[in-house]
Each structure stands twice: as structure tokens, then as C-alpha cells.
Amino acid sequence: MEQYFDITLTDDQLRGISSIGLAHMGDAVFEVLVRGWLCAHGKATGKGLHQATVRLVCAESQAMRAERILPELTEEERAVFRRGHNAQVHSVPGHASRAQYAEATALEALLGWLYLKGRRDRINTLFCRMMEE
């Protein structure tokens, strides 16, 4: 039986996933992290909790937070980030620039790749850096 909640893929399997596929996974990872962070820090309740989540997971916020971790990435992580940055996205939300959306997609691809690689500690380290006030 596969363990999908705590999945770890091989390097060959990871290479077979498109950058959009990695970003798809990373989008979910980032949202779960943000929701946990908000709950743990008592930042909001009820409707405010949803609004706070939306503010943190939007492309503009992700792009700004990605900039905080770029100097700390390994060469391998930078390569995945670049791969996500260069993904061919066909639509950009009206509230974000193409550059912000590319950065957000790159961050999501990196988080998806780390998650599928089983690197939960590294994700946490980078997420904590991103969330520093």
C-alpha cells in the first residue's frame, strides 16, 4: 500500500513530474503550512482566518516571501526554483504581475519538489524564514 499522506518519491519519479505538477503540489503544501501557522499564532478567527490565509497565499505575498529564501537555497533547490520560474503558465491573475506569478510558481514548485522528496525539515526551515516578521 502506498503512503500518500507522507509520500517520498525517487529522483527519477520527481524528474518525471512537470514544473506545473510540482507547483500544484507545492500550492497545497504552502496553504497547509500557512493555515497551521495562523492557527498556531492565533492570528485570526472565523472569517478573518480565511481572509488572512488568502492574503498570505496570494501570488504577491508568495513572491515577496520567495525573495527571503533565495540566498539560502542549495544549487539543487535553485535549479528546481528556476524550473518552476520558467514554467509555461497560460493565465495570470489580474491582481499579480507576470513576474510575481512566476516567482510564486517557482516557490510552489520548490515546495512541491521538497515535499515529494520527503524533505519536511527543509520545508519547515524555509517556511519559518519566509514567515519572519
N, C-alpha and C. Protein backbone atom coordinates (compact mmCIF):
# COMPACT_ATOMS: atom_id res chain seq x y z
N MET A 1 0.83 -1.18 0.00
CA MET A 1 0.00 0.00 0.00
C MET A 1 0.88 1.25 0.00
N GLU A 2 0.54 2.20 -0.84
CA GLU A 2 1.26 3.47 -0.91
C GLU A 2 0.90 4.33 0.29
N GLN A 3 1.83 5.16 0.70
CA GLN A 3 1.59 6.11 1.80
C GLN A 3 1.54 7.51 1.18
N TYR A 4 0.36 7.96 0.80
CA TYR A 4 0.23 9.23 0.11
C TYR A 4 0.26 10.44 1.04
N PHE A 5 -0.06 10.24 2.29
CA PHE A 5 -0.03 11.37 3.22
C PHE A 5 1.40 11.77 3.54
N ASP A 6 2.29 10.80 3.56
CA ASP A 6 3.69 11.04 3.87
C ASP A 6 4.54 10.45 2.74
N ILE A 7 4.28 10.91 1.54
CA ILE A 7 4.88 10.33 0.33
C ILE A 7 6.34 10.75 0.16
N THR A 8 7.15 9.86 -0.38
CA THR A 8 8.51 10.16 -0.75
C THR A 8 8.78 9.51 -2.09
N LEU A 9 9.10 10.32 -3.08
CA LEU A 9 9.36 9.81 -4.42
C LEU A 9 10.86 9.77 -4.69
N THR A 10 11.25 8.92 -5.62
CA THR A 10 12.66 8.83 -6.02
C THR A 10 13.00 10.01 -6.93
N ASP A 11 14.30 10.22 -7.13
CA ASP A 11 14.73 11.29 -8.02
C ASP A 11 14.20 11.06 -9.43
N ASP A 12 14.19 9.81 -9.90
CA ASP A 12 13.65 9.51 -11.23
C ASP A 12 12.17 9.86 -11.32
N GLN A 13 11.41 9.53 -10.29
CA GLN A 13 9.99 9.86 -10.28
C GLN A 13 9.79 11.38 -10.28
N LEU A 14 10.60 12.09 -9.51
CA LEU A 14 10.48 13.54 -9.44
C LEU A 14 10.80 14.20 -10.78
N ARG A 15 11.80 13.67 -11.49
CA ARG A 15 12.14 14.22 -12.80
C ARG A 15 10.99 14.06 -13.79
N GLY A 16 10.15 13.08 -13.57
CA GLY A 16 9.02 12.82 -14.46
C GLY A 16 7.83 13.73 -14.22
N ILE A 17 7.88 14.55 -13.20
CA ILE A 17 6.76 15.45 -12.87
C ILE A 17 7.05 16.82 -13.48
N SER A 18 6.09 17.37 -14.18
CA SER A 18 6.27 18.69 -14.79
C SER A 18 6.42 19.76 -13.71
N SER A 19 6.96 20.89 -14.11
CA SER A 19 7.09 22.00 -13.16
C SER A 19 5.71 22.47 -12.70
N ILE A 20 4.72 22.40 -13.56
CA ILE A 20 3.35 22.76 -13.17
C ILE A 20 2.82 21.73 -12.17
N GLY A 21 3.15 20.46 -12.36
CA GLY A 21 2.75 19.42 -11.41
C GLY A 21 3.37 19.65 -10.04
N LEU A 22 4.66 20.02 -10.02
CA LEU A 22 5.32 20.32 -8.75
C LEU A 22 4.68 21.53 -8.08
N ALA A 23 4.36 22.55 -8.87
CA ALA A 23 3.73 23.75 -8.33
C ALA A 23 2.34 23.43 -7.79
N HIS A 24 1.64 22.55 -8.45
CA HIS A 24 0.31 22.12 -7.99
C HIS A 24 0.41 21.52 -6.58
N MET A 25 1.41 20.66 -6.40
CA MET A 25 1.62 20.05 -5.08
C MET A 25 2.07 21.10 -4.09
N GLY A 26 2.99 21.96 -4.50
CA GLY A 26 3.54 22.98 -3.60
C GLY A 26 2.51 24.00 -3.16
N ASP A 27 1.53 24.28 -4.02
CA ASP A 27 0.46 25.20 -3.66
C ASP A 27 -0.29 24.65 -2.44
N ALA A 28 -0.58 23.36 -2.46
CA ALA A 28 -1.29 22.74 -1.33
C ALA A 28 -0.41 22.72 -0.09
N VAL A 29 0.86 22.41 -0.26
CA VAL A 29 1.80 22.39 0.87
C VAL A 29 1.86 23.76 1.53
N PHE A 30 2.01 24.81 0.72
CA PHE A 30 2.12 26.15 1.27
C PHE A 30 0.83 26.55 2.00
N GLU A 31 -0.31 26.20 1.43
CA GLU A 31 -1.56 26.57 2.09
C GLU A 31 -1.72 25.85 3.43
N VAL A 32 -1.36 24.58 3.49
CA VAL A 32 -1.44 23.85 4.76
C VAL A 32 -0.50 24.48 5.79
N LEU A 33 0.70 24.83 5.36
CA LEU A 33 1.65 25.48 6.28
C LEU A 33 1.10 26.81 6.79
N VAL A 34 0.56 27.62 5.89
CA VAL A 34 0.01 28.92 6.29
C VAL A 34 -1.15 28.73 7.25
N ARG A 35 -2.04 27.80 6.96
CA ARG A 35 -3.18 27.57 7.85
C ARG A 35 -2.70 27.12 9.24
N GLY A 36 -1.71 26.24 9.27
CA GLY A 36 -1.16 25.82 10.56
C GLY A 36 -0.51 26.96 11.30
N TRP A 37 0.25 27.79 10.56
CA TRP A 37 0.92 28.94 11.16
C TRP A 37 -0.10 29.90 11.75
N LEU A 38 -1.16 30.19 11.01
CA LEU A 38 -2.18 31.11 11.51
C LEU A 38 -2.87 30.55 12.76
N CYS A 39 -3.19 29.28 12.75
CA CYS A 39 -3.83 28.67 13.93
C CYS A 39 -2.88 28.69 15.12
N ALA A 40 -1.63 28.34 14.90
CA ALA A 40 -0.66 28.27 15.99
C ALA A 40 -0.36 29.64 16.58
N HIS A 41 -0.45 30.68 15.78
CA HIS A 41 -0.13 32.02 16.24
C HIS A 41 -1.36 32.84 16.62
N GLY A 42 -2.53 32.21 16.56
CA GLY A 42 -3.74 32.92 16.96
C GLY A 42 -3.95 34.21 16.20
N LYS A 43 -3.56 34.24 14.93
CA LYS A 43 -3.61 35.47 14.15
C LYS A 43 -5.03 35.89 13.78
N ALA A 44 -5.95 34.94 13.68
CA ALA A 44 -7.29 35.29 13.25
C ALA A 44 -8.25 34.18 13.64
N THR A 45 -9.52 34.51 13.61
CA THR A 45 -10.55 33.50 13.88
C THR A 45 -11.67 33.66 12.86
N GLY A 46 -12.44 32.61 12.66
CA GLY A 46 -13.60 32.65 11.79
C GLY A 46 -13.31 33.17 10.41
N LYS A 47 -14.12 34.11 9.95
CA LYS A 47 -13.98 34.70 8.62
C LYS A 47 -12.60 35.35 8.46
N GLY A 48 -12.10 35.95 9.51
CA GLY A 48 -10.78 36.57 9.46
C GLY A 48 -9.68 35.57 9.17
N LEU A 49 -9.85 34.35 9.62
CA LEU A 49 -8.87 33.30 9.37
C LEU A 49 -8.77 33.01 7.87
N HIS A 50 -9.90 32.91 7.22
CA HIS A 50 -9.91 32.67 5.77
C HIS A 50 -9.27 33.84 5.04
N GLN A 51 -9.63 35.05 5.42
CA GLN A 51 -9.08 36.24 4.76
C GLN A 51 -7.57 36.35 4.96
N ALA A 52 -7.12 36.02 6.15
CA ALA A 52 -5.67 36.04 6.43
C ALA A 52 -4.95 34.99 5.58
N THR A 53 -5.56 33.83 5.42
CA THR A 53 -4.97 32.78 4.59
C THR A 53 -4.85 33.26 3.15
N VAL A 54 -5.92 33.81 2.63
CA VAL A 54 -5.93 34.30 1.24
C VAL A 54 -4.84 35.35 1.04
N ARG A 55 -4.67 36.26 1.99
CA ARG A 55 -3.63 37.29 1.87
C ARG A 55 -2.23 36.69 1.82
N LEU A 56 -2.01 35.62 2.57
CA LEU A 56 -0.68 35.02 2.63
C LEU A 56 -0.38 34.08 1.48
N VAL A 57 -1.40 33.47 0.89
CA VAL A 57 -1.14 32.51 -0.18
C VAL A 57 -1.26 33.13 -1.58
N CYS A 58 -1.60 34.41 -1.68
CA CYS A 58 -1.70 35.05 -2.99
C CYS A 58 -0.31 35.17 -3.62
N ALA A 59 -0.30 35.32 -4.93
CA ALA A 59 0.96 35.36 -5.68
C ALA A 59 1.88 36.48 -5.20
N GLU A 60 1.32 37.65 -4.91
CA GLU A 60 2.16 38.77 -4.47
C GLU A 60 2.89 38.45 -3.18
N SER A 61 2.18 37.86 -2.23
CA SER A 61 2.79 37.51 -0.95
C SER A 61 3.82 36.39 -1.13
N GLN A 62 3.49 35.41 -1.93
CA GLN A 62 4.42 34.31 -2.16
C GLN A 62 5.71 34.81 -2.82
N ALA A 63 5.56 35.70 -3.79
CA ALA A 63 6.74 36.24 -4.47
C ALA A 63 7.65 36.99 -3.50
N MET A 64 7.05 37.79 -2.63
CA MET A 64 7.83 38.53 -1.64
C MET A 64 8.53 37.57 -0.67
N ARG A 65 7.84 36.53 -0.27
CA ARG A 65 8.42 35.56 0.66
C ARG A 65 9.49 34.70 -0.01
N ALA A 66 9.33 34.45 -1.30
CA ALA A 66 10.35 33.68 -2.03
C ALA A 66 11.68 34.43 -2.03
N GLU A 67 11.62 35.75 -2.16
CA GLU A 67 12.84 36.55 -2.16
C GLU A 67 13.63 36.38 -0.86
N ARG A 68 12.94 36.14 0.24
CA ARG A 68 13.60 35.98 1.54
C ARG A 68 14.46 34.73 1.61
N ILE A 69 14.08 33.71 0.86
CA ILE A 69 14.80 32.43 0.99
C ILE A 69 15.79 32.17 -0.13
N LEU A 70 15.74 32.94 -1.21
CA LEU A 70 16.63 32.68 -2.34
C LEU A 70 18.10 32.55 -1.96
N PRO A 71 18.64 33.43 -1.09
CA PRO A 71 20.05 33.29 -0.74
C PRO A 71 20.38 32.00 0.02
N GLU A 72 19.39 31.35 0.58
CA GLU A 72 19.61 30.17 1.41
C GLU A 72 19.45 28.86 0.64
N LEU A 73 19.06 28.94 -0.63
CA LEU A 73 18.81 27.72 -1.39
C LEU A 73 20.10 27.06 -1.84
N THR A 74 20.08 25.73 -1.85
CA THR A 74 21.21 24.97 -2.38
C THR A 74 21.16 25.06 -3.91
N GLU A 75 22.22 24.62 -4.58
CA GLU A 75 22.23 24.64 -6.05
C GLU A 75 21.10 23.79 -6.62
N GLU A 76 20.88 22.63 -6.01
CA GLU A 76 19.80 21.75 -6.48
C GLU A 76 18.44 22.43 -6.31
N GLU A 77 18.24 23.08 -5.18
CA GLU A 77 16.99 23.79 -4.93
C GLU A 77 16.82 24.97 -5.89
N ARG A 78 17.92 25.67 -6.18
CA ARG A 78 17.87 26.79 -7.13
C ARG A 78 17.45 26.29 -8.52
N ALA A 79 17.95 25.12 -8.89
CA ALA A 79 17.59 24.55 -10.20
C ALA A 79 16.10 24.25 -10.27
N VAL A 80 15.55 23.71 -9.20
CA VAL A 80 14.10 23.44 -9.16
C VAL A 80 13.33 24.76 -9.17
N PHE A 81 13.80 25.74 -8.43
CA PHE A 81 13.15 27.05 -8.40
C PHE A 81 13.13 27.66 -9.81
N ARG A 82 14.29 27.62 -10.50
CA ARG A 82 14.36 28.15 -11.87
C ARG A 82 13.41 27.40 -12.80
N ARG A 83 13.37 26.08 -12.63
CA ARG A 83 12.47 25.26 -13.45
C ARG A 83 11.02 25.72 -13.25
N GLY A 84 10.62 25.97 -12.02
CA GLY A 84 9.28 26.46 -11.74
C GLY A 84 9.06 27.86 -12.27
N HIS A 85 10.09 28.69 -12.18
CA HIS A 85 10.00 30.07 -12.65
C HIS A 85 9.77 30.11 -14.16
N ASN A 86 10.36 29.17 -14.86
CA ASN A 86 10.27 29.13 -16.32
C ASN A 86 9.06 28.34 -16.83
N ALA A 87 8.21 27.89 -15.92
CA ALA A 87 7.02 27.12 -16.33
C ALA A 87 6.15 27.94 -17.26
N GLN A 88 5.56 27.28 -18.21
CA GLN A 88 4.68 27.95 -19.17
C GLN A 88 3.27 28.03 -18.60
N VAL A 89 2.98 29.13 -17.92
CA VAL A 89 1.63 29.35 -17.40
C VAL A 89 0.85 30.17 -18.42
N HIS A 90 -0.40 29.84 -18.56
CA HIS A 90 -1.20 30.47 -19.61
C HIS A 90 -2.11 31.58 -19.11
N SER A 91 -2.28 31.67 -17.82
CA SER A 91 -3.10 32.76 -17.29
C SER A 91 -2.50 33.26 -15.99
N VAL A 92 -2.55 34.55 -15.82
CA VAL A 92 -2.03 35.21 -14.62
C VAL A 92 -3.18 35.95 -13.98
N PRO A 93 -3.39 35.79 -12.67
CA PRO A 93 -4.48 36.53 -12.02
C PRO A 93 -4.30 38.04 -12.18
N GLY A 94 -5.40 38.76 -12.28
CA GLY A 94 -5.34 40.19 -12.51
C GLY A 94 -4.67 40.98 -11.42
N HIS A 95 -4.61 40.45 -10.21
CA HIS A 95 -4.03 41.19 -9.08
C HIS A 95 -2.53 40.99 -8.96
N ALA A 96 -1.93 40.16 -9.83
CA ALA A 96 -0.49 39.90 -9.76
C ALA A 96 0.16 40.21 -11.10
N SER A 97 1.40 40.64 -11.05
CA SER A 97 2.15 40.83 -12.29
C SER A 97 2.65 39.47 -12.77
N ARG A 98 3.04 39.42 -14.03
CA ARG A 98 3.60 38.16 -14.57
C ARG A 98 4.84 37.76 -13.79
N ALA A 99 5.68 38.73 -13.41
CA ALA A 99 6.89 38.44 -12.64
C ALA A 99 6.55 37.87 -11.27
N GLN A 100 5.57 38.46 -10.59
CA GLN A 100 5.15 37.94 -9.28
C GLN A 100 4.60 36.52 -9.42
N TYR A 101 3.82 36.29 -10.45
CA TYR A 101 3.23 34.97 -10.65
C TYR A 101 4.32 33.93 -10.94
N ALA A 102 5.33 34.32 -11.71
CA ALA A 102 6.44 33.41 -12.00
C ALA A 102 7.19 33.07 -10.72
N GLU A 103 7.42 34.06 -9.85
CA GLU A 103 8.11 33.81 -8.57
C GLU A 103 7.27 32.90 -7.68
N ALA A 104 5.96 33.15 -7.63
CA ALA A 104 5.07 32.32 -6.81
C ALA A 104 5.05 30.89 -7.33
N THR A 105 5.00 30.73 -8.64
CA THR A 105 5.01 29.39 -9.23
C THR A 105 6.33 28.69 -8.92
N ALA A 106 7.42 29.43 -8.97
CA ALA A 106 8.73 28.86 -8.65
C ALA A 106 8.79 28.39 -7.20
N LEU A 107 8.27 29.21 -6.29
CA LEU A 107 8.24 28.83 -4.88
C LEU A 107 7.39 27.58 -4.69
N GLU A 108 6.22 27.56 -5.31
CA GLU A 108 5.34 26.40 -5.18
C GLU A 108 6.00 25.14 -5.74
N ALA A 109 6.69 25.27 -6.89
CA ALA A 109 7.38 24.11 -7.47
C ALA A 109 8.45 23.60 -6.51
N LEU A 110 9.20 24.52 -5.90
CA LEU A 110 10.22 24.12 -4.94
C LEU A 110 9.61 23.39 -3.75
N LEU A 111 8.54 23.95 -3.20
CA LEU A 111 7.89 23.31 -2.05
C LEU A 111 7.30 21.96 -2.43
N GLY A 112 6.73 21.86 -3.62
CA GLY A 112 6.19 20.59 -4.08
C GLY A 112 7.29 19.55 -4.23
N TRP A 113 8.40 19.96 -4.82
CA TRP A 113 9.54 19.07 -5.01
C TRP A 113 10.09 18.59 -3.67
N LEU A 114 10.28 19.53 -2.73
CA LEU A 114 10.79 19.16 -1.41
C LEU A 114 9.83 18.21 -0.70
N TYR A 115 8.54 18.50 -0.81
CA TYR A 115 7.54 17.64 -0.15
C TYR A 115 7.57 16.23 -0.73
N LEU A 116 7.55 16.14 -2.05
CA LEU A 116 7.53 14.82 -2.68
C LEU A 116 8.84 14.07 -2.50
N LYS A 117 9.91 14.81 -2.23
CA LYS A 117 11.22 14.21 -1.95
C LYS A 117 11.32 13.74 -0.50
N GLY A 118 10.35 14.15 0.32
CA GLY A 118 10.36 13.74 1.73
C GLY A 118 11.17 14.67 2.62
N ARG A 119 11.46 15.88 2.16
CA ARG A 119 12.31 16.82 2.89
C ARG A 119 11.49 17.76 3.76
N ARG A 120 10.71 17.21 4.68
CA ARG A 120 9.82 18.00 5.53
C ARG A 120 10.58 18.99 6.41
N ASP A 121 11.74 18.60 6.93
CA ASP A 121 12.53 19.51 7.78
C ASP A 121 13.00 20.72 6.99
N ARG A 122 13.42 20.49 5.75
CA ARG A 122 13.88 21.61 4.91
C ARG A 122 12.73 22.56 4.60
N ILE A 123 11.56 22.00 4.30
CA ILE A 123 10.38 22.84 4.06
C ILE A 123 10.12 23.70 5.27
N ASN A 124 10.15 23.11 6.45
CA ASN A 124 9.87 23.86 7.67
C ASN A 124 10.90 24.98 7.89
N THR A 125 12.16 24.68 7.65
CA THR A 125 13.21 25.69 7.80
C THR A 125 12.96 26.87 6.87
N LEU A 126 12.67 26.58 5.60
CA LEU A 126 12.42 27.64 4.64
C LEU A 126 11.13 28.40 4.96
N PHE A 127 10.09 27.67 5.37
CA PHE A 127 8.83 28.32 5.70
C PHE A 127 9.00 29.27 6.90
N CYS A 128 9.71 28.84 7.91
CA CYS A 128 9.93 29.71 9.07
C CYS A 128 10.68 30.97 8.66
N ARG A 129 11.63 30.85 7.77
CA ARG A 129 12.36 32.03 7.26
C ARG A 129 11.40 32.95 6.49
N MET A 130 10.54 32.35 5.68
CA MET A 130 9.58 33.15 4.90
C MET A 130 8.62 33.92 5.78
N MET A 131 8.29 33.35 6.93
CA MET A 131 7.26 33.95 7.78
C MET A 131 7.81 34.90 8.84
N GLU A 132 9.13 35.08 8.85
CA GLU A 132 9.71 36.02 9.81
C GLU A 132 9.17 37.41 9.56
N GLU A 133 8.79 38.07 10.64
CA GLU A 133 8.21 39.43 10.53
C GLU A 133 9.29 40.47 10.42
